[in-house]
Amino acid sequence: MRDTSRIAVSDDEYRLINALQISPRVPWSVLGSVLGQDPVTLARHWARLERCGIAWIGAYLSGNAARASALLELSCPPSQVHAVARSLAYDKEVLTIDLTTGARDLLLTVMCEDLQELERYAIERMRLLPQVVSMRTQLVTSNRLTFDARTWRLNVLSPAEIRQLAQYQKSQSERGLAVQRKPERSERDLIASALRHDPRMSMESLARYTGMTSQRARDCLGSSLTEGDIVLRTGIARILSRTPVYTWLFIKTAAGQVPKTLKSLAAMPETRLATAIVGSCDIALAAWLKSLEDLERLKTALTQQLAINVVDTSIVMRTPVHLHEWLNEDGLRMRDGDGAGIATLGIADPEDSN
């Protein structure tokens, strides 16, 4: 395992990450004005954070572009868990892979264009993996009842700084709403591909990459981000997030109370994902906590304050794939060309050399 004790994050860098969580494409000049720092220095800090795999901006399709999603819970013999994870790490449908404790060995977050594609993936793809002993599918009922980590924050900026960044982001959203000709699917896919390559690329570079005019690239980008068809999300390695314990909770609640409960869960600072599901439970909640002791406190608070029943809990041991990004065994993002590809993810078998 890599020695991450040497990978330090300064207070200024935590502030920078927090700012990019609020507005991932805010210009360095605007960011420098908000944070009271030299824009060139900020850009240099961000380059270091990306290079070390500490923080990054992920781009992925969501909203109208990904209408069907689910949590797939897989069970495998202990000797096969890593092999299955390696096999699934390449699948475009797989957004995240968690290696977990408890009733499931692998928990996959899967997003597809429609329910038919999701059905094909869940049935046909798993048929090709004889190592999978059992699978349980928890369908996400709607994007409207899903609250994800787009709103999760480090919370190290001042209220005034947050307001300035939020105002800038609001102005960008208003431009996106004003676009008259919405992006075609092919245009949206080109924009998404460009942003995966470089989520902060300039408009000139975006136009060259997509073959669009500068104005059309700007319109397609603004509309896609505002409508939520494409999501930009600033991530940080969990080990350096000050909340290193990652847990999934599966919840039952009273009939008709799911929307209200989800809003309460989404408001908690620990929440990374809260979504309504159809399966053995009503709600799936993912949370990042400071310690294992916080898990019991969280479960007690949820039971007492929201009158819900936490049916099952899993602790995530490793996350080799997160938002289509490959992470190593320390949770640091791997850049293209790092190491030996899939074999260097945090899913190497015990006998594999490091």
Protein backbone atom coordinates (compact mmCIF):
# COMPACT_ATOMS: atom_id res chain seq x y z
CA MET A 1 0.00 0.00 0.00
CA ARG A 2 1.22 3.50 -0.79
CA ASP A 3 2.30 5.70 2.08
CA THR A 4 -0.32 8.45 1.97
CA SER A 5 1.07 10.16 5.07
CA ARG A 6 3.31 12.14 2.71
CA ILE A 7 0.34 13.38 0.68
CA ALA A 8 -0.66 16.42 2.68
CA VAL A 9 -3.46 18.83 1.83
CA SER A 10 -3.04 22.41 3.02
CA ASP A 11 -5.86 24.55 4.36
CA ASP A 12 -5.73 26.64 1.18
CA GLU A 13 -6.08 23.50 -0.93
CA TYR A 14 -9.08 22.32 1.08
CA ARG A 15 -10.62 25.72 0.43
CA LEU A 16 -9.88 25.37 -3.27
CA ILE A 17 -11.50 21.93 -3.43
CA ASN A 18 -14.55 23.25 -1.57
CA ALA A 19 -14.86 26.11 -4.08
CA LEU A 20 -14.70 23.74 -7.04
CA GLN A 21 -17.37 21.58 -5.42
CA ILE A 22 -19.70 24.57 -5.67
CA SER A 23 -18.65 25.66 -9.17
CA PRO A 24 -16.42 23.15 -10.99
CA ARG A 25 -15.76 25.36 -14.04
CA VAL A 26 -15.43 28.74 -12.34
CA PRO A 27 -12.57 30.70 -14.01
CA TRP A 28 -9.35 31.00 -12.06
CA SER A 29 -9.68 34.80 -12.17
CA VAL A 30 -13.10 34.67 -10.50
CA LEU A 31 -11.90 32.07 -8.02
CA GLY A 32 -8.87 34.17 -7.15
CA SER A 33 -11.11 37.13 -6.39
CA VAL A 34 -13.40 35.06 -4.17
CA LEU A 35 -10.65 33.27 -2.25
CA GLY A 36 -8.25 36.22 -2.11
CA GLN A 37 -5.44 34.31 -3.81
CA ASP A 38 -3.41 34.62 -6.99
CA PRO A 39 -5.17 32.77 -9.85
CA VAL A 40 -1.88 31.29 -11.09
CA THR A 41 -1.18 29.92 -7.61
CA LEU A 42 -4.66 28.38 -7.46
CA ALA A 43 -4.17 26.71 -10.84
CA ARG A 44 -0.82 25.33 -9.68
CA HIS A 45 -2.38 23.94 -6.49
CA TRP A 46 -5.14 22.27 -8.49
CA ALA A 47 -2.63 20.74 -10.88
CA ARG A 48 -0.82 19.18 -7.92
CA LEU A 49 -4.02 17.83 -6.39
CA GLU A 50 -5.01 16.25 -9.70
CA ARG A 51 -1.53 14.89 -10.38
CA CYS A 52 -1.41 13.19 -6.97
CA GLY A 53 -4.94 11.80 -7.35
CA ILE A 54 -6.10 13.66 -4.25
CA ALA A 55 -8.91 15.59 -5.96
CA TRP A 56 -10.47 15.64 -9.41
CA ILE A 57 -13.56 16.69 -11.34
CA GLY A 58 -15.61 13.83 -12.71
CA ALA A 59 -18.03 14.12 -15.64
CA TYR A 60 -20.87 11.70 -16.28
CA LEU A 61 -24.30 11.45 -17.91
CA SER A 62 -27.36 11.70 -15.70
CA GLY A 63 -30.90 13.12 -15.70
CA ASN A 64 -32.64 12.75 -19.06
CA ALA A 65 -29.54 11.09 -20.49
CA ALA A 66 -29.65 8.23 -17.99
CA ARG A 67 -33.26 7.43 -17.13
CA ALA A 68 -32.80 4.07 -15.43
CA SER A 69 -30.49 3.29 -12.54
CA ALA A 70 -30.15 0.64 -9.88
CA LEU A 71 -28.04 -0.75 -7.10
CA LEU A 72 -26.84 -4.27 -7.89
CA GLU A 73 -25.80 -6.30 -4.86
CA LEU A 74 -23.58 -9.23 -5.75
CA SER A 75 -22.38 -12.15 -3.64
CA CYS A 76 -19.31 -14.16 -4.65
CA PRO A 77 -16.98 -16.73 -3.08
CA PRO A 78 -14.22 -14.88 -1.19
CA SER A 79 -11.59 -15.93 -3.71
CA GLN A 80 -13.60 -14.49 -6.63
CA VAL A 81 -14.65 -11.05 -5.39
CA HIS A 82 -11.65 -9.26 -6.87
CA ALA A 83 -11.92 -11.08 -10.19
CA VAL A 84 -15.56 -10.06 -10.57
CA ALA A 85 -14.76 -6.46 -9.68
CA ARG A 86 -11.98 -6.38 -12.26
CA SER A 87 -14.35 -7.74 -14.91
CA LEU A 88 -16.99 -5.10 -14.22
CA ALA A 89 -14.63 -2.13 -13.93
CA TYR A 90 -14.64 -1.60 -17.71
CA ASP A 91 -18.44 -1.59 -18.16
CA LYS A 92 -19.82 1.76 -19.29
CA GLU A 93 -23.04 1.10 -17.35
CA VAL A 94 -21.17 0.88 -14.04
CA LEU A 95 -20.78 4.23 -12.32
CA THR A 96 -19.31 2.98 -9.03
CA ILE A 97 -18.08 -0.31 -7.55
CA ASP A 98 -17.88 -0.73 -3.77
CA LEU A 99 -16.33 -3.73 -2.01
CA THR A 100 -18.39 -4.08 1.15
CA THR A 101 -18.96 -5.96 4.36
CA GLY A 102 -22.25 -7.55 5.35
CA ALA A 103 -24.90 -9.15 3.17
CA ARG A 104 -23.29 -8.17 -0.12
CA ASP A 105 -19.72 -8.50 -1.37
CA LEU A 106 -19.99 -6.00 -4.20
CA LEU A 107 -22.38 -3.06 -4.52
CA LEU A 108 -22.62 -1.60 -8.01
CA THR A 109 -24.25 1.70 -8.92
CA VAL A 110 -25.51 1.22 -12.47
CA MET A 111 -26.93 3.84 -14.83
CA CYS A 112 -28.54 3.09 -18.22
CA GLU A 113 -30.47 5.02 -20.85
CA ASP A 114 -33.72 3.18 -20.18
CA LEU A 115 -35.22 0.31 -18.23
CA GLN A 116 -34.79 -2.14 -21.10
CA GLU A 117 -31.05 -1.50 -21.23
CA LEU A 118 -30.86 -1.89 -17.47
CA GLU A 119 -32.71 -5.20 -17.63
CA ARG A 120 -30.38 -6.47 -20.34
CA TYR A 121 -27.33 -5.45 -18.36
CA ALA A 122 -28.49 -6.98 -15.09
CA ILE A 123 -29.55 -10.27 -16.67
CA GLU A 124 -27.26 -10.82 -19.63
CA ARG A 125 -24.08 -9.35 -18.18
CA MET A 126 -24.28 -11.30 -14.94
CA ARG A 127 -24.89 -14.49 -16.90
CA LEU A 128 -21.31 -14.11 -18.17
CA LEU A 129 -19.95 -14.13 -14.60
CA PRO A 130 -20.24 -17.65 -13.18
CA GLN A 131 -18.41 -16.46 -10.06
CA VAL A 132 -21.51 -14.49 -9.02
CA VAL A 133 -23.46 -16.69 -6.61
CA SER A 134 -26.41 -14.34 -6.15
CA MET A 135 -27.61 -10.92 -7.21
CA ARG A 136 -30.20 -8.58 -5.77
CA THR A 137 -31.39 -5.61 -7.80
CA GLN A 138 -32.66 -2.46 -6.08
CA LEU A 139 -34.24 -0.24 -8.73
CA VAL A 140 -34.02 3.52 -8.22
CA THR A 141 -37.56 4.82 -8.60
CA SER A 142 -36.81 8.25 -10.10
CA ASN A 143 -34.16 10.92 -10.47
CA ARG A 144 -36.54 13.29 -8.71
CA LEU A 145 -36.24 11.21 -5.55
CA THR A 146 -32.46 10.93 -5.71
CA PHE A 147 -30.11 13.24 -3.83
CA ASP A 148 -26.45 12.59 -4.57
CA ALA A 149 -23.05 13.98 -3.59
CA ARG A 150 -23.29 16.95 -5.93
CA THR A 151 -24.34 18.82 -2.79
CA TRP A 152 -21.77 17.22 -0.44
CA ARG A 153 -19.24 19.80 0.75
CA LEU A 154 -16.06 20.06 2.79
CA ASN A 155 -17.61 23.11 4.48
CA VAL A 156 -14.41 25.08 4.99
CA LEU A 157 -15.41 28.29 3.17
CA SER A 158 -17.00 31.33 4.76
CA PRO A 159 -20.69 32.11 4.12
CA ALA A 160 -19.66 35.14 2.06
CA GLU A 161 -17.36 33.05 -0.16
CA ILE A 162 -20.07 30.44 -0.63
CA ARG A 163 -22.58 33.13 -1.64
CA GLN A 164 -20.22 34.60 -4.24
CA LEU A 165 -19.56 31.22 -5.82
CA ALA A 166 -23.24 30.29 -5.71
CA GLN A 167 -24.11 33.57 -7.43
CA TYR A 168 -21.61 32.86 -10.19
CA GLN A 169 -22.99 29.36 -10.63
CA LYS A 170 -26.54 30.72 -10.72
CA SER A 171 -25.60 33.10 -13.53
CA GLN A 172 -24.23 30.18 -15.54
CA SER A 173 -27.41 28.19 -14.96
CA GLU A 174 -29.54 31.11 -16.15
CA ARG A 175 -27.56 31.18 -19.38
CA GLY A 176 -28.13 27.46 -19.80
CA LEU A 177 -31.88 27.88 -19.33
CA ALA A 178 -31.96 30.61 -21.97
CA VAL A 179 -30.60 28.34 -24.73
CA GLN A 180 -33.21 28.12 -27.48
CA ARG A 181 -32.06 25.02 -29.39
CA LYS A 182 -31.37 22.25 -26.91
CA PRO A 183 -28.53 19.79 -27.61
CA GLU A 184 -29.12 16.75 -29.76
CA ARG A 185 -28.11 13.45 -28.23
CA SER A 186 -25.00 13.30 -30.43
CA GLU A 187 -23.99 16.82 -29.36
CA ARG A 188 -24.54 16.01 -25.69
CA ASP A 189 -22.41 12.88 -26.00
CA LEU A 190 -19.59 14.86 -27.64
CA ILE A 191 -19.68 17.42 -24.84
CA ALA A 192 -19.63 14.65 -22.21
CA SER A 193 -16.67 12.98 -23.92
CA ALA A 194 -14.78 16.27 -23.98
CA LEU A 195 -15.44 16.96 -20.31
CA ARG A 196 -14.27 13.50 -19.30
CA HIS A 197 -11.01 14.34 -21.04
CA ASP A 198 -10.73 17.76 -19.37
CA PRO A 199 -13.70 19.05 -17.34
CA ARG A 200 -12.28 22.57 -17.20
CA MET A 201 -11.24 22.90 -20.83
CA SER A 202 -11.71 26.31 -22.42
CA MET A 203 -14.60 27.05 -24.75
CA GLU A 204 -12.16 27.29 -27.64
CA SER A 205 -10.77 23.84 -26.87
CA LEU A 206 -14.29 22.47 -26.40
CA ALA A 207 -15.29 23.77 -29.83
CA ARG A 208 -12.23 22.19 -31.45
CA TYR A 209 -12.76 18.88 -29.64
CA THR A 210 -16.42 18.61 -30.64
CA GLY A 211 -16.20 20.20 -34.10
CA MET A 212 -18.91 22.73 -33.15
CA THR A 213 -18.85 26.47 -33.46
CA SER A 214 -17.82 28.25 -30.27
CA GLN A 215 -21.36 29.51 -29.70
CA ARG A 216 -22.94 26.10 -30.27
CA ALA A 217 -20.43 24.43 -27.94
CA ARG A 218 -21.20 27.05 -25.30
CA ASP A 219 -24.95 26.54 -25.71
CA CYS A 220 -24.73 22.74 -25.59
CA LEU A 221 -22.48 22.83 -22.54
CA GLY A 222 -24.63 25.32 -20.65
CA SER A 223 -27.89 23.53 -21.43
CA SER A 224 -26.53 20.05 -20.65
CA LEU A 225 -25.16 21.15 -17.27
CA THR A 226 -28.21 23.20 -16.30
CA GLU A 227 -30.66 20.43 -17.23
CA GLY A 228 -28.56 17.87 -15.36
CA ASP A 229 -28.00 15.70 -18.42
CA ILE A 230 -24.27 16.01 -17.78
CA VAL A 231 -22.96 16.27 -14.22
CA LEU A 232 -19.64 17.74 -13.15
CA ARG A 233 -18.66 16.73 -9.65
CA THR A 234 -15.53 17.57 -7.71
CA GLY A 235 -14.28 14.58 -5.76
CA ILE A 236 -11.68 14.04 -3.08
CA ALA A 237 -9.94 10.88 -1.96
CA ARG A 238 -11.95 9.64 1.00
CA ILE A 239 -8.83 9.00 3.09
CA LEU A 240 -8.09 12.75 2.90
CA SER A 241 -11.68 13.97 3.22
CA ARG A 242 -11.70 14.01 7.06
CA THR A 243 -14.62 11.55 6.82
CA PRO A 244 -12.90 8.23 6.01
CA VAL A 245 -15.69 5.79 6.98
CA TYR A 246 -18.02 5.02 4.07
CA THR A 247 -21.23 3.15 4.86
CA TRP A 248 -24.46 2.09 3.14
CA LEU A 249 -27.71 1.95 5.11
CA PHE A 250 -30.88 0.30 3.80
CA ILE A 251 -34.02 1.78 5.28
CA LYS A 252 -37.73 1.05 5.60
CA THR A 253 -40.18 3.82 6.32
CA ALA A 254 -43.93 4.26 6.62
CA ALA A 255 -46.06 4.31 3.49
CA GLY A 256 -46.17 7.73 1.88
CA GLN A 257 -43.22 9.04 3.90
CA VAL A 258 -40.43 8.36 1.42
CA PRO A 259 -40.24 11.86 -0.19
CA LYS A 260 -40.29 13.63 3.17
CA THR A 261 -37.71 11.25 4.64
CA LEU A 262 -35.42 11.65 1.65
CA LYS A 263 -35.43 15.43 2.00
CA SER A 264 -34.44 15.08 5.66
CA LEU A 265 -31.66 12.64 4.78
CA ALA A 266 -30.40 14.86 1.97
CA ALA A 267 -30.01 17.75 4.41
CA MET A 268 -27.56 15.82 6.60
CA PRO A 269 -23.88 16.75 6.07
CA GLU A 270 -22.89 13.07 6.12
CA THR A 271 -25.09 12.13 3.16
CA ARG A 272 -23.43 11.13 -0.10
CA LEU A 273 -26.51 9.52 -1.66
CA ALA A 274 -30.11 9.19 -0.60
CA THR A 275 -32.48 7.57 -3.05
CA ALA A 276 -35.83 5.82 -3.19
CA ILE A 277 -35.55 2.19 -4.27
CA VAL A 278 -37.85 -0.67 -5.15
CA GLY A 279 -36.66 -3.88 -3.57
CA SER A 280 -36.25 -5.18 -0.06
CA CYS A 281 -36.20 -1.62 1.35
CA ASP A 282 -37.59 1.83 0.56
CA ILE A 283 -34.46 3.97 0.76
CA ALA A 284 -30.73 3.49 0.24
CA LEU A 285 -28.47 5.93 2.08
CA ALA A 286 -24.72 6.28 1.54
CA ALA A 287 -22.83 8.34 4.12
CA TRP A 288 -19.26 9.38 4.87
CA LEU A 289 -18.49 9.49 8.59
CA LYS A 290 -15.56 10.49 10.77
CA SER A 291 -15.44 7.20 12.67
CA LEU A 292 -17.14 3.84 13.10
CA GLU A 293 -18.59 5.10 16.37
CA ASP A 294 -20.45 7.72 14.37
CA LEU A 295 -22.32 4.97 12.55
CA GLU A 296 -24.16 3.84 15.67
CA ARG A 297 -24.91 7.45 16.59
CA LEU A 298 -26.27 8.02 13.09
CA LYS A 299 -28.49 4.95 13.18
CA THR A 300 -29.86 5.93 16.59
CA ALA A 301 -30.56 9.49 15.45
CA LEU A 302 -32.31 8.30 12.29
CA THR A 303 -34.50 5.88 14.20
CA GLN A 304 -35.49 8.41 16.85
CA GLN A 305 -35.84 11.57 14.78
CA LEU A 306 -37.27 10.21 11.52
CA ALA A 307 -39.13 7.17 12.84
CA ILE A 308 -37.53 4.85 10.29
CA ASN A 309 -36.10 1.36 10.50
CA VAL A 310 -32.50 0.76 9.45
CA VAL A 311 -32.79 -2.80 8.13
CA ASP A 312 -29.23 -3.44 7.01
CA THR A 313 -25.81 -1.79 6.99
CA SER A 314 -22.59 -2.34 5.05
CA ILE A 315 -19.18 -0.76 5.47
CA VAL A 316 -17.27 -0.05 2.27
CA MET A 317 -13.77 -1.45 2.42
CA ARG A 318 -12.61 -0.21 -0.99
CA THR A 319 -14.02 1.68 -3.96
CA PRO A 320 -12.00 0.74 -7.04
CA VAL A 321 -14.32 2.60 -9.43
CA HIS A 322 -16.06 5.87 -8.60
CA LEU A 323 -18.00 7.91 -11.19
CA HIS A 324 -16.19 5.99 -13.96
CA GLU A 325 -12.84 6.96 -12.41
CA TRP A 326 -10.37 4.27 -11.38
CA LEU A 327 -9.06 4.56 -7.82
CA ASN A 328 -6.09 2.76 -6.35
CA GLU A 329 -6.17 0.87 -3.06
CA ASP A 330 -5.76 4.13 -1.13
CA GLY A 331 -8.69 5.75 -2.91
CA LEU A 332 -6.48 8.10 -4.95
CA ARG A 333 -7.53 8.62 -8.55
CA MET A 334 -5.39 6.97 -11.18
CA ARG A 335 -4.61 8.99 -14.28
CA ASP A 336 -4.53 7.34 -17.70
CA GLY A 337 -1.28 5.43 -18.00
CA ASP A 338 -0.70 5.13 -14.24
CA GLY A 339 0.75 1.79 -13.29
CA ALA A 340 -0.43 -1.24 -15.19
CA GLY A 341 -4.07 -0.35 -15.70
CA ILE A 342 -6.76 -2.48 -14.13
CA ALA A 343 -4.28 -4.65 -12.25
CA THR A 344 -3.21 -1.65 -10.18
CA LEU A 345 -6.69 -0.76 -8.95
CA GLY A 346 -7.63 -1.32 -5.34
CA ILE A 347 -8.90 -4.77 -6.30
CA ALA A 348 -5.67 -6.67 -6.71
CA ASP A 349 -5.71 -10.24 -5.42
CA PRO A 350 -3.67 -10.84 -2.25
CA GLU A 351 -1.08 -12.82 -4.17
CA ASP A 352 -0.61 -10.04 -6.74
CA SER A 353 2.58 -8.04 -6.31
CA ASN A 354 2.25 -4.34 -5.49
